């Protein structure tokens, strides 16, 4: 038996679409459907799914309230299914503990292949990551002293929004450097994430704009669907080819930041699937910067940090609390 999935959606059309797509993915099996949140909560203990897809707008019990109840009682990954207009709600769901989300395109029938690819990669990567955690023991990298930090570059993907809000909300009200973030997320959703971080932090968080002047004491989040690079004291955005299947890609940010800040750059790779950030961390190391990876135990998916560690470009491995403590010590204004 493969990975067992429960589909929760009040639309019969969407239940059929998601079920048909899932049944076409090798290793995935739809074991049930639910028409609303209450129906889902009744079926979960009987069906014991490995993963759940959960719509947001539903009668009786909406997606957010259903997610809260699922997370209270079960350790089951939940993938939210949303439209772009639900961006604020999706960010809230990720904060509550949703594993990830899939965006509903305007024309669903014309985008079945992309939905299938996204659903497949997110679910299969999750369970592949769990298998790797059982089989692989990673040796921690040796710590070394950091030089004076003048900028921070952060990469994140699956599980990243919750980790980023945690890190940024714990920063002091004044920092002596700019922070640049690439979070793999579609256009529109990064706007909501930037607002959430700004509301919960003591310092300013903005979604970056092209040719924006870089200033200290500010956090810049790359907008969805744009690579973010640094040149001549400004942020430059572009829609070049996707790298590792994503845009924005952290490797672009890390490469250009390393060329500017050299040994004074701190690179951080947080939870996420794939290997984005590994090559960029190699560039940071070439310029004698300092790299931190999130620990396997504290990641939702260990793909990106694990790749960086495996390639020997990481100086230190820390859990989220450890990263936060180190970051505050290095960049807080004394």
C-alpha atoms as a PDB file:
ATOM      1  CA  UNK A   1       0.000   0.000   0.000  1.00  0.00           C
ATOM      2  CA  UNK A   2       1.252   3.481  -0.892  1.00  0.00           C
ATOM      3  CA  UNK A   3       0.864   6.850   0.805  1.00  0.00           C
ATOM      4  CA  UNK A   4      -2.777   7.145   1.929  1.00  0.00           C
ATOM      5  CA  UNK A   5      -4.454  10.478   1.168  1.00  0.00           C
ATOM      6  CA  UNK A   6      -7.742  12.023   2.317  1.00  0.00           C
ATOM      7  CA  UNK A   7      -9.212  14.733   0.044  1.00  0.00           C
ATOM      8  CA  UNK A   8     -11.287  17.394   1.833  1.00  0.00           C
ATOM      9  CA  UNK A   9     -13.224  19.857  -0.336  1.00  0.00           C
ATOM     10  CA  UNK A  10     -16.824  21.043  -0.508  1.00  0.00           C
ATOM     11  CA  UNK A  11     -16.689  21.113  -4.323  1.00  0.00           C
ATOM     12  CA  UNK A  12     -17.484  17.787  -5.993  1.00  0.00           C
ATOM     13  CA  UNK A  13     -15.563  19.018  -9.033  1.00  0.00           C
ATOM     14  CA  UNK A  14     -12.402  19.712  -7.010  1.00  0.00           C
ATOM     15  CA  UNK A  15     -12.704  16.433  -5.095  1.00  0.00           C
ATOM     16  CA  UNK A  16     -12.839  14.603  -8.409  1.00  0.00           C
ATOM     17  CA  UNK A  17      -9.964  16.605  -9.932  1.00  0.00           C
ATOM     18  CA  UNK A  18      -7.639  16.140  -6.946  1.00  0.00           C
ATOM     19  CA  UNK A  19      -8.572  12.463  -6.560  1.00  0.00           C
ATOM     20  CA  UNK A  20      -7.971  11.741 -10.259  1.00  0.00           C
ATOM     21  CA  UNK A  21      -4.623  13.542 -10.186  1.00  0.00           C
ATOM     22  CA  UNK A  22      -3.563  11.733  -7.011  1.00  0.00           C
ATOM     23  CA  UNK A  23      -4.547   8.306  -8.323  1.00  0.00           C
ATOM     24  CA  UNK A  24      -2.299   8.956 -11.325  1.00  0.00           C
ATOM     25  CA  UNK A  25       0.748   9.496  -9.077  1.00  0.00           C
ATOM     26  CA  UNK A  26       2.751   6.354  -8.429  1.00  0.00           C
ATOM     27  CA  UNK A  27       2.906   5.596  -4.701  1.00  0.00           C
ATOM     28  CA  UNK A  28      -0.156   7.682  -3.776  1.00  0.00           C
ATOM     29  CA  UNK A  29      -3.583   6.260  -2.951  1.00  0.00           C
ATOM     30  CA  UNK A  30      -6.784   8.200  -2.229  1.00  0.00           C
ATOM     31  CA  UNK A  31      -8.504   6.311   0.597  1.00  0.00           C
ATOM     32  CA  UNK A  32     -11.380   8.717   1.121  1.00  0.00           C
ATOM     33  CA  UNK A  33     -13.045  12.064   0.468  1.00  0.00           C
ATOM     34  CA  UNK A  34     -14.759  14.502   2.833  1.00  0.00           C
ATOM     35  CA  UNK A  35     -17.251  17.223   1.927  1.00  0.00           C
ATOM     36  CA  UNK A  36     -16.434  19.612   4.768  1.00  0.00           C
ATOM     37  CA  UNK A  37     -14.380  19.950   7.938  1.00  0.00           C
ATOM     38  CA  UNK A  38     -16.787  18.085  10.193  1.00  0.00           C
ATOM     39  CA  UNK A  39     -16.961  15.217   7.715  1.00  0.00           C
ATOM     40  CA  UNK A  40     -13.142  15.129   7.636  1.00  0.00           C
ATOM     41  CA  UNK A  41     -12.818  15.033  11.430  1.00  0.00           C
ATOM     42  CA  UNK A  42     -15.186  12.059  11.551  1.00  0.00           C
ATOM     43  CA  UNK A  43     -13.267  10.149   8.860  1.00  0.00           C
ATOM     44  CA  UNK A  44      -9.673  10.767   9.968  1.00  0.00           C
ATOM     45  CA  UNK A  45      -9.669   8.287  12.920  1.00  0.00           C
ATOM     46  CA  UNK A  46     -11.383   5.648  10.783  1.00  0.00           C
ATOM     47  CA  UNK A  47      -9.288   6.009   7.613  1.00  0.00           C
ATOM     48  CA  UNK A  48      -5.951   6.948   9.262  1.00  0.00           C
ATOM     49  CA  UNK A  49      -4.591   8.916   6.266  1.00  0.00           C
ATOM     50  CA  UNK A  50      -0.883   9.660   5.861  1.00  0.00           C
ATOM     51  CA  UNK A  51      -1.568  13.070   4.288  1.00  0.00           C
ATOM     52  CA  UNK A  52      -4.584  15.351   3.842  1.00  0.00           C
ATOM     53  CA  UNK A  53      -5.450  17.951   1.198  1.00  0.00           C
ATOM     54  CA  UNK A  54      -7.695  20.603   2.727  1.00  0.00           C
ATOM     55  CA  UNK A  55      -9.781  23.297   1.048  1.00  0.00           C
ATOM     56  CA  UNK A  56     -10.131  26.675   2.779  1.00  0.00           C
ATOM     57  CA  UNK A  57     -13.661  27.825   2.004  1.00  0.00           C
ATOM     58  CA  UNK A  58     -16.085  25.157   3.274  1.00  0.00           C
ATOM     59  CA  UNK A  59     -19.454  25.146   5.050  1.00  0.00           C
ATOM     60  CA  UNK A  60     -19.961  23.964   8.645  1.00  0.00           C
ATOM     61  CA  UNK A  61     -16.232  24.105   9.507  1.00  0.00           C
ATOM     62  CA  UNK A  62     -13.807  26.032   7.305  1.00  0.00           C
ATOM     63  CA  UNK A  63     -10.261  25.006   6.435  1.00  0.00           C
ATOM     64  CA  UNK A  64      -8.519  27.044   9.139  1.00  0.00           C
ATOM     65  CA  UNK A  65     -10.719  25.731  11.957  1.00  0.00           C
ATOM     66  CA  UNK A  66     -10.440  22.195  10.595  1.00  0.00           C
ATOM     67  CA  UNK A  67      -6.647  22.521  10.415  1.00  0.00           C
ATOM     68  CA  UNK A  68      -6.483  23.680  14.050  1.00  0.00           C
ATOM     69  CA  UNK A  69      -8.443  20.632  15.196  1.00  0.00           C
ATOM     70  CA  UNK A  70      -6.342  18.259  13.078  1.00  0.00           C
ATOM     71  CA  UNK A  71      -3.101  19.673  14.498  1.00  0.00           C
ATOM     72  CA  UNK A  72      -4.434  19.370  18.052  1.00  0.00           C
ATOM     73  CA  UNK A  73      -5.094  15.644  17.735  1.00  0.00           C
ATOM     74  CA  UNK A  74      -2.933  14.248  14.937  1.00  0.00           C
ATOM     75  CA  UNK A  75       0.556  14.417  13.474  1.00  0.00           C
ATOM     76  CA  UNK A  76      -0.657  14.273   9.885  1.00  0.00           C
ATOM     77  CA  UNK A  77       0.795  16.570   7.179  1.00  0.00           C
ATOM     78  CA  UNK A  78      -1.877  18.863   5.730  1.00  0.00           C
ATOM     79  CA  UNK A  79      -1.610  20.511   2.306  1.00  0.00           C
ATOM     80  CA  UNK A  80      -3.943  23.469   1.878  1.00  0.00           C
ATOM     81  CA  UNK A  81      -5.679  24.007  -1.469  1.00  0.00           C
ATOM     82  CA  UNK A  82      -6.223  27.692  -2.193  1.00  0.00           C
ATOM     83  CA  UNK A  83      -6.722  30.471  -4.702  1.00  0.00           C
ATOM     84  CA  UNK A  84      -4.447  33.510  -4.821  1.00  0.00           C
ATOM     85  CA  UNK A  85      -7.153  35.578  -3.116  1.00  0.00           C
ATOM     86  CA  UNK A  86      -6.648  33.356  -0.043  1.00  0.00           C
ATOM     87  CA  UNK A  87      -3.005  34.430   0.394  1.00  0.00           C
ATOM     88  CA  UNK A  88      -3.449  35.922   3.880  1.00  0.00           C
ATOM     89  CA  UNK A  89      -5.325  32.829   5.036  1.00  0.00           C
ATOM     90  CA  UNK A  90      -2.635  30.542   3.610  1.00  0.00           C
ATOM     91  CA  UNK A  91       0.061  32.365   5.586  1.00  0.00           C
ATOM     92  CA  UNK A  92      -2.088  31.895   8.702  1.00  0.00           C
ATOM     93  CA  UNK A  93      -2.473  28.185   7.892  1.00  0.00           C
ATOM     94  CA  UNK A  94       1.293  27.774   7.532  1.00  0.00           C
ATOM     95  CA  UNK A  95       1.732  29.461  10.913  1.00  0.00           C
ATOM     96  CA  UNK A  96      -0.755  27.038  12.464  1.00  0.00           C
ATOM     97  CA  UNK A  97       1.185  24.093  11.088  1.00  0.00           C
ATOM     98  CA  UNK A  98       0.059  23.281   7.536  1.00  0.00           C
ATOM     99  CA  UNK A  99       2.827  21.431   5.717  1.00  0.00           C
ATOM    100  CA  UNK A 100       2.419  23.368   2.464  1.00  0.00           C
ATOM    101  CA  UNK A 101      -0.172  24.609  -0.013  1.00  0.00           C
ATOM    102  CA  UNK A 102      -1.206  24.186  -3.635  1.00  0.00           C
ATOM    103  CA  UNK A 103      -2.558  27.157  -5.540  1.00  0.00           C
ATOM    104  CA  UNK A 104      -5.731  26.645  -7.586  1.00  0.00           C
ATOM    105  CA  UNK A 105      -5.171  28.098 -11.072  1.00  0.00           C
ATOM    106  CA  UNK A 106      -7.947  30.143 -12.650  1.00  0.00           C
ATOM    107  CA  UNK A 107      -8.283  27.575 -15.450  1.00  0.00           C
ATOM    108  CA  UNK A 108      -7.954  24.251 -13.634  1.00  0.00           C
ATOM    109  CA  UNK A 109      -8.515  22.001 -16.647  1.00  0.00           C
ATOM    110  CA  UNK A 110      -5.750  23.738 -18.596  1.00  0.00           C
ATOM    111  CA  UNK A 111      -3.297  23.343 -15.716  1.00  0.00           C
ATOM    112  CA  UNK A 112      -3.848  19.726 -14.668  1.00  0.00           C
ATOM    113  CA  UNK A 113      -0.249  18.776 -15.481  1.00  0.00           C
ATOM    114  CA  UNK A 114       1.221  21.528 -13.288  1.00  0.00           C
ATOM    115  CA  UNK A 115      -1.137  20.666 -10.405  1.00  0.00           C
ATOM    116  CA  UNK A 116      -0.140  17.006 -10.713  1.00  0.00           C
ATOM    117  CA  UNK A 117       3.565  17.880 -10.702  1.00  0.00           C
ATOM    118  CA  UNK A 118       3.199  20.152  -7.679  1.00  0.00           C
ATOM    119  CA  UNK A 119       1.119  17.669  -5.684  1.00  0.00           C
ATOM    120  CA  UNK A 120       3.488  14.828  -6.542  1.00  0.00           C
ATOM    121  CA  UNK A 121       6.669  16.704  -5.656  1.00  0.00           C
ATOM    122  CA  UNK A 122       5.337  18.015  -2.358  1.00  0.00           C
ATOM    123  CA  UNK A 123       3.878  14.764  -1.081  1.00  0.00           C
ATOM    124  CA  UNK A 124       6.580  12.402  -2.317  1.00  0.00           C
ATOM    125  CA  UNK A 125       9.374  14.722  -1.124  1.00  0.00           C
ATOM    126  CA  UNK A 126       7.804  14.797   2.328  1.00  0.00           C
ATOM    127  CA  UNK A 127       7.842  11.036   2.712  1.00  0.00           C
ATOM    128  CA  UNK A 128      11.225  10.657   1.031  1.00  0.00           C
ATOM    129  CA  UNK A 129      12.563  13.128   3.603  1.00  0.00           C
ATOM    130  CA  UNK A 130      11.115  11.029   6.411  1.00  0.00           C
ATOM    131  CA  UNK A 131      12.812   7.919   5.027  1.00  0.00           C
ATOM    132  CA  UNK A 132      16.135   9.723   4.766  1.00  0.00           C
ATOM    133  CA  UNK A 133      15.888  10.810   8.387  1.00  0.00           C
ATOM    134  CA  UNK A 134      15.597   7.175   9.394  1.00  0.00           C
ATOM    135  CA  UNK A 135      18.602   6.051   7.342  1.00  0.00           C
ATOM    136  CA  UNK A 136      21.172   8.855   7.328  1.00  0.00           C
ATOM    137  CA  UNK A 137      23.231  10.161  10.227  1.00  0.00           C
ATOM    138  CA  UNK A 138      24.762  13.558   9.443  1.00  0.00           C
ATOM    139  CA  UNK A 139      27.950  14.552  11.210  1.00  0.00           C
ATOM    140  CA  UNK A 140      27.775  18.070  12.577  1.00  0.00           C
ATOM    141  CA  UNK A 141      30.133  20.572  11.024  1.00  0.00           C
ATOM    142  CA  UNK A 142      32.883  22.047  13.123  1.00  0.00           C
ATOM    143  CA  UNK A 143      32.120  25.483  14.578  1.00  0.00           C
ATOM    144  CA  UNK A 144      34.381  28.437  13.936  1.00  0.00           C
ATOM    145  CA  UNK A 145      34.381  32.076  14.925  1.00  0.00           C
ATOM    146  CA  UNK A 146      32.388  34.540  12.811  1.00  0.00           C
ATOM    147  CA  UNK A 147      33.939  37.725  11.529  1.00  0.00           C
ATOM    148  CA  UNK A 148      32.023  40.989  11.780  1.00  0.00           C
ATOM    149  CA  UNK A 149      28.724  40.521   9.955  1.00  0.00           C
ATOM    150  CA  UNK A 150      27.525  43.264   7.591  1.00  0.00           C
ATOM    151  CA  UNK A 151      24.631  41.434   5.899  1.00  0.00           C
ATOM    152  CA  UNK A 152      22.523  38.270   6.252  1.00  0.00           C
ATOM    153  CA  UNK A 153      21.101  36.181   3.399  1.00  0.00           C
ATOM    154  CA  UNK A 154      18.475  33.520   4.162  1.00  0.00           C
ATOM    155  CA  UNK A 155      16.975  30.754   2.001  1.00  0.00           C
ATOM    156  CA  UNK A 156      13.807  28.808   2.832  1.00  0.00           C
ATOM    157  CA  UNK A 157      11.161  26.670   1.179  1.00  0.00           C
ATOM    158  CA  UNK A 158       8.719  24.112   2.623  1.00  0.00           C
ATOM    159  CA  UNK A 159       8.136  24.974   6.278  1.00  0.00           C
ATOM    160  CA  UNK A 160       9.955  28.256   5.770  1.00  0.00           C
ATOM    161  CA  UNK A 161       7.190  30.808   6.473  1.00  0.00           C
ATOM    162  CA  UNK A 162       6.704  29.610  10.040  1.00  0.00           C
ATOM    163  CA  UNK A 163      10.473  29.432  10.634  1.00  0.00           C
ATOM    164  CA  UNK A 164      10.994  32.907   9.163  1.00  0.00           C
ATOM    165  CA  UNK A 165       8.275  34.519  11.278  1.00  0.00           C
ATOM    166  CA  UNK A 166       9.896  32.919  14.337  1.00  0.00           C
ATOM    167  CA  UNK A 167      13.369  34.265  13.487  1.00  0.00           C
ATOM    168  CA  UNK A 168      12.321  37.752  12.407  1.00  0.00           C
ATOM    169  CA  UNK A 169       9.864  38.273  15.276  1.00  0.00           C
ATOM    170  CA  UNK A 170      12.650  37.589  17.786  1.00  0.00           C
ATOM    171  CA  UNK A 171      15.030  40.219  16.375  1.00  0.00           C
ATOM    172  CA  UNK A 172      15.700  43.323  18.494  1.00  0.00           C
ATOM    173  CA  UNK A 173      14.209  46.680  17.487  1.00  0.00           C
ATOM    174  CA  UNK A 174      17.489  47.737  15.909  1.00  0.00           C
ATOM    175  CA  UNK A 175      19.972  45.708  13.879  1.00  0.00           C
ATOM    176  CA  UNK A 176      23.162  46.932  12.259  1.00  0.00           C
ATOM    177  CA  UNK A 177      22.737  45.088   8.938  1.00  0.00           C
ATOM    178  CA  UNK A 178      20.238  44.405   6.148  1.00  0.00           C
ATOM    179  CA  UNK A 179      18.654  40.937   5.938  1.00  0.00           C
ATOM    180  CA  UNK A 180      17.722  39.436   2.560  1.00  0.00           C
ATOM    181  CA  UNK A 181      15.318  36.490   2.292  1.00  0.00           C
ATOM    182  CA  UNK A 182      14.352  34.138  -0.514  1.00  0.00           C
ATOM    183  CA  UNK A 183      11.293  32.040   0.316  1.00  0.00           C
ATOM    184  CA  UNK A 184       9.992  29.741  -2.430  1.00  0.00           C
ATOM    185  CA  UNK A 185       6.442  31.003  -2.839  1.00  0.00           C
ATOM    186  CA  UNK A 186       4.244  32.258  -5.717  1.00  0.00           C
ATOM    187  CA  UNK A 187       3.575  35.892  -6.490  1.00  0.00           C
ATOM    188  CA  UNK A 188       1.035  37.448  -4.152  1.00  0.00           C
ATOM    189  CA  UNK A 189       1.724  35.041  -1.306  1.00  0.00           C
ATOM    190  CA  UNK A 190       5.092  36.701  -0.589  1.00  0.00           C
ATOM    191  CA  UNK A 191       3.226  40.016  -0.162  1.00  0.00           C
ATOM    192  CA  UNK A 192       1.135  38.467   2.606  1.00  0.00           C
ATOM    193  CA  UNK A 193       4.185  36.832   4.193  1.00  0.00           C
ATOM    194  CA  UNK A 194       6.078  40.156   4.253  1.00  0.00           C
ATOM    195  CA  UNK A 195       3.103  41.843   5.925  1.00  0.00           C
ATOM    196  CA  UNK A 196       2.825  39.051   8.494  1.00  0.00           C
ATOM    197  CA  UNK A 197       6.533  39.307   9.375  1.00  0.00           C
ATOM    198  CA  UNK A 198       6.346  43.104   9.512  1.00  0.00           C
ATOM    199  CA  UNK A 199       3.340  42.982  11.849  1.00  0.00           C
ATOM    200  CA  UNK A 200       5.014  40.519  14.201  1.00  0.00           C
ATOM    201  CA  UNK A 201       8.499  42.034  14.297  1.00  0.00           C
ATOM    202  CA  UNK A 202      10.100  45.109  15.844  1.00  0.00           C
ATOM    203  CA  UNK A 203      11.955  46.048  12.660  1.00  0.00           C
ATOM    204  CA  UNK A 204      10.714  46.858   9.159  1.00  0.00           C
ATOM    205  CA  UNK A 205      10.022  43.993   6.759  1.00  0.00           C
ATOM    206  CA  UNK A 206       9.237  44.750   3.117  1.00  0.00           C
ATOM    207  CA  UNK A 207       8.628  42.838  -0.069  1.00  0.00           C
ATOM    208  CA  UNK A 208      11.571  43.942  -2.206  1.00  0.00           C
ATOM    209  CA  UNK A 209      11.092  46.150  -5.263  1.00  0.00           C
ATOM    210  CA  UNK A 210      13.388  46.600  -8.233  1.00  0.00           C
ATOM    211  CA  UNK A 211      16.110  49.243  -7.727  1.00  0.00           C
ATOM    212  CA  UNK A 212      15.192  49.632  -4.047  1.00  0.00           C
ATOM    213  CA  UNK A 213      18.116  51.126  -2.078  1.00  0.00           C
ATOM    214  CA  UNK A 214      19.538  48.744   0.521  1.00  0.00           C
ATOM    215  CA  UNK A 215      19.434  50.061   4.083  1.00  0.00           C
ATOM    216  CA  UNK A 216      20.463  48.702   7.464  1.00  0.00           C
ATOM    217  CA  UNK A 217      17.794  47.737   9.993  1.00  0.00           C
ATOM    218  CA  UNK A 218      15.503  46.362   7.297  1.00  0.00           C
ATOM    219  CA  UNK A 219      14.434  42.897   6.078  1.00  0.00           C
ATOM    220  CA  UNK A 220      13.906  42.414   2.328  1.00  0.00           C
ATOM    221  CA  UNK A 221      11.788  39.494   1.080  1.00  0.00           C
ATOM    222  CA  UNK A 222      12.130  38.497  -2.574  1.00  0.00           C
ATOM    223  CA  UNK A 223       8.745  38.742  -4.331  1.00  0.00           C
ATOM    224  CA  UNK A 224       7.296  35.571  -5.787  1.00  0.00           C
ATOM    225  CA  UNK A 225       8.288  34.864  -9.406  1.00  0.00           C
ATOM    226  CA  UNK A 226      11.322  37.202  -9.290  1.00  0.00           C
ATOM    227  CA  UNK A 227      14.972  36.370  -8.688  1.00  0.00           C
ATOM    228  CA  UNK A 228      16.575  38.884  -6.300  1.00  0.00           C
ATOM    229  CA  UNK A 229      20.167  40.051  -6.791  1.00  0.00           C
ATOM    230  CA  UNK A 230      22.259  42.789  -5.177  1.00  0.00           C
ATOM    231  CA  UNK A 231      24.246  45.353  -7.166  1.00  0.00           C
ATOM    232  CA  UNK A 232      25.727  48.752  -6.326  1.00  0.00           C
ATOM    233  CA  UNK A 233      23.818  49.174  -3.086  1.00  0.00           C
ATOM    234  CA  UNK A 234      20.467  48.340  -4.681  1.00  0.00           C
ATOM    235  CA  UNK A 235      18.166  45.364  -5.098  1.00  0.00           C
ATOM    236  CA  UNK A 236      17.650  44.122  -8.636  1.00  0.00           C
ATOM    237  CA  UNK A 237      14.774  41.835  -9.607  1.00  0.00           C
ATOM    238  CA  UNK A 238      14.503  39.773 -12.762  1.00  0.00           C
ATOM    239  CA  UNK A 239      12.362  37.057 -14.318  1.00  0.00           C
ATOM    240  CA  UNK A 240      15.208  34.956 -15.677  1.00  0.00           C
ATOM    241  CA  UNK A 241      14.950  31.210 -16.094  1.00  0.00           C
ATOM    242  CA  UNK A 242      13.928  29.200 -13.039  1.00  0.00           C
ATOM    243  CA  UNK A 243      16.779  27.502 -11.163  1.00  0.00           C
ATOM    244  CA  UNK A 244      16.107  24.137  -9.479  1.00  0.00           C
ATOM    245  CA  UNK A 245      12.556  24.632 -10.742  1.00  0.00           C
ATOM    246  CA  UNK A 246      12.005  27.773  -8.630  1.00  0.00           C
ATOM    247  CA  UNK A 247      11.925  31.536  -9.002  1.00  0.00           C
ATOM    248  CA  UNK A 248      13.069  33.214  -6.799  1.00  0.00           C
ATOM    249  CA  UNK A 249      16.158  31.055  -6.282  1.00  0.00           C
ATOM    250  CA  UNK A 250      18.441  31.660  -3.305  1.00  0.00           C
ATOM    251  CA  UNK A 251      21.583  30.858  -5.291  1.00  0.00           C
ATOM    252  CA  UNK A 252      21.262  34.178  -7.172  1.00  0.00           C
ATOM    253  CA  UNK A 253      20.944  36.101  -3.917  1.00  0.00           C
ATOM    254  CA  UNK A 254      23.800  34.259  -2.210  1.00  0.00           C
ATOM    255  CA  UNK A 255      26.179  34.680  -5.185  1.00  0.00           C
ATOM    256  CA  UNK A 256      25.683  38.427  -5.558  1.00  0.00           C
ATOM    257  CA  UNK A 257      25.621  39.087  -1.805  1.00  0.00           C
ATOM    258  CA  UNK A 258      28.895  37.165  -1.380  1.00  0.00           C
ATOM    259  CA  UNK A 259      30.586  39.267  -4.066  1.00  0.00           C
ATOM    260  CA  UNK A 260      29.592  42.453  -2.218  1.00  0.00           C
ATOM    261  CA  UNK A 261      29.944  41.553   1.469  1.00  0.00           C
ATOM    262  CA  UNK A 262      32.639  38.861   1.117  1.00  0.00           C
ATOM    263  CA  UNK A 263      33.857  37.597   4.532  1.00  0.00           C
ATOM    264  CA  UNK A 264      31.255  39.772   6.276  1.00  0.00           C
ATOM    265  CA  UNK A 265      28.242  37.829   4.952  1.00  0.00           C
ATOM    266  CA  UNK A 266      26.222  35.357   7.018  1.00  0.00           C
ATOM    267  CA  UNK A 267      24.318  32.774   4.945  1.00  0.00           C
ATOM    268  CA  UNK A 268      21.479  30.710   6.436  1.00  0.00           C
ATOM    269  CA  UNK A 269      19.595  27.824   4.822  1.00  0.00           C
ATOM    270  CA  UNK A 270      16.337  26.849   6.499  1.00  0.00           C
ATOM    271  CA  UNK A 271      13.880  23.994   5.994  1.00  0.00           C
ATOM    272  CA  UNK A 272      12.837  23.146   2.441  1.00  0.00           C
ATOM    273  CA  UNK A 273      12.829  20.533  -0.293  1.00  0.00           C
ATOM    274  CA  UNK A 274      15.431  20.491  -3.034  1.00  0.00           C
ATOM    275  CA  UNK A 275      18.966  21.858  -3.107  1.00  0.00           C
ATOM    276  CA  UNK A 276      18.596  25.600  -3.676  1.00  0.00           C
ATOM    277  CA  UNK A 277      21.201  27.525  -1.693  1.00  0.00           C
ATOM    278  CA  UNK A 278      23.935  24.896  -1.859  1.00  0.00           C
ATOM    279  CA  UNK A 279      25.843  26.443  -4.778  1.00  0.00           C
ATOM    280  CA  UNK A 280      25.330  29.914  -3.333  1.00  0.00           C
ATOM    281  CA  UNK A 281      26.718  28.803   0.007  1.00  0.00           C
ATOM    282  CA  UNK A 282      29.739  27.542  -1.912  1.00  0.00           C
ATOM    283  CA  UNK A 283      30.235  31.091  -3.202  1.00  0.00           C
ATOM    284  CA  UNK A 284      29.880  32.485   0.318  1.00  0.00           C
ATOM    285  CA  UNK A 285      32.574  30.053   1.481  1.00  0.00           C
ATOM    286  CA  UNK A 286      34.831  31.101  -1.425  1.00  0.00           C
ATOM    287  CA  UNK A 287      34.749  34.637  -0.035  1.00  0.00           C
ATOM    288  CA  UNK A 288      35.268  33.357   3.543  1.00  0.00           C
ATOM    289  CA  UNK A 289      31.749  34.160   4.714  1.00  0.00           C
ATOM    290  CA  UNK A 290      29.966  32.098   7.378  1.00  0.00           C
ATOM    291  CA  UNK A 291      27.182  29.578   6.736  1.00  0.00           C
ATOM    292  CA  UNK A 292      24.558  28.093   9.065  1.00  0.00           C
ATOM    293  CA  UNK A 293      22.120  25.282   8.228  1.00  0.00           C
ATOM    294  CA  UNK A 294      18.968  24.422  10.149  1.00  0.00           C
ATOM    295  CA  UNK A 295      19.234  21.122  11.993  1.00  0.00           C
ATOM    296  CA  UNK A 296      17.569  18.017  10.600  1.00  0.00           C
ATOM    297  CA  UNK A 297      15.496  17.534  13.749  1.00  0.00           C
ATOM    298  CA  UNK A 298      13.925  21.007  13.549  1.00  0.00           C
ATOM    299  CA  UNK A 299      13.199  20.982   9.783  1.00  0.00           C
ATOM    300  CA  UNK A 300       9.872  20.200   8.161  1.00  0.00           C
ATOM    301  CA  UNK A 301      11.899  18.980   5.163  1.00  0.00           C
ATOM    302  CA  UNK A 302      15.674  18.566   5.406  1.00  0.00           C
ATOM    303  CA  UNK A 303      16.354  18.768   1.656  1.00  0.00           C
ATOM    304  CA  UNK A 304      17.973  22.193   1.322  1.00  0.00           C
ATOM    305  CA  UNK A 305      19.942  22.202   4.589  1.00  0.00           C
ATOM    306  CA  UNK A 306      20.887  18.552   4.062  1.00  0.00           C
ATOM    307  CA  UNK A 307      22.212  19.273   0.580  1.00  0.00           C
ATOM    308  CA  UNK A 308      24.353  22.160   1.850  1.00  0.00           C
ATOM    309  CA  UNK A 309      25.734  20.009   4.676  1.00  0.00           C
ATOM    310  CA  UNK A 310      26.454  17.100   2.318  1.00  0.00           C
ATOM    311  CA  UNK A 311      28.441  19.408   0.029  1.00  0.00           C
ATOM    312  CA  UNK A 312      30.639  20.619   2.896  1.00  0.00           C
ATOM    313  CA  UNK A 313      29.725  24.311   2.648  1.00  0.00           C
ATOM    314  CA  UNK A 314      28.199  24.687   6.131  1.00  0.00           C
ATOM    315  CA  UNK A 315      30.122  25.965   9.170  1.00  0.00           C
ATOM    316  CA  UNK A 316      27.496  25.314  11.819  1.00  0.00           C
ATOM    317  CA  UNK A 317      24.248  23.374  12.242  1.00  0.00           C
ATOM    318  CA  UNK A 318      21.687  24.789  14.678  1.00  0.00           C
ATOM    319  CA  UNK A 319      18.003  24.388  15.494  1.00  0.00           C
ATOM    320  CA  UNK A 320      15.735  27.407  15.050  1.00  0.00           C
ATOM    321  CA  UNK A 321      16.240  28.665  18.593  1.00  0.00           C
ATOM    322  CA  UNK A 322      20.005  28.351  18.173  1.00  0.00           C
ATOM    323  CA  UNK A 323      19.919  30.213  14.856  1.00  0.00           C
ATOM    324  CA  UNK A 324      17.834  32.966  16.443  1.00  0.00           C
ATOM    325  CA  UNK A 325      20.192  33.336  19.401  1.00  0.00           C
ATOM    326  CA  UNK A 326      23.265  33.419  17.148  1.00  0.00           C
ATOM    327  CA  UNK A 327      21.677  35.900  14.744  1.00  0.00           C
ATOM    328  CA  UNK A 328      20.722  38.268  17.543  1.00  0.00           C
ATOM    329  CA  UNK A 329      24.215  38.131  19.049  1.00  0.00           C
ATOM    330  CA  UNK A 330      25.866  38.869  15.710  1.00  0.00           C
ATOM    331  CA  UNK A 331      23.713  41.659  14.323  1.00  0.00           C
ATOM    332  CA  UNK A 332      21.973  43.295  17.287  1.00  0.00           C
ATOM    333  CA  UNK A 333      23.075  46.841  18.061  1.00  0.00           C
ATOM    334  CA  UNK A 334      24.898  46.814  21.383  1.00  0.00           C
END
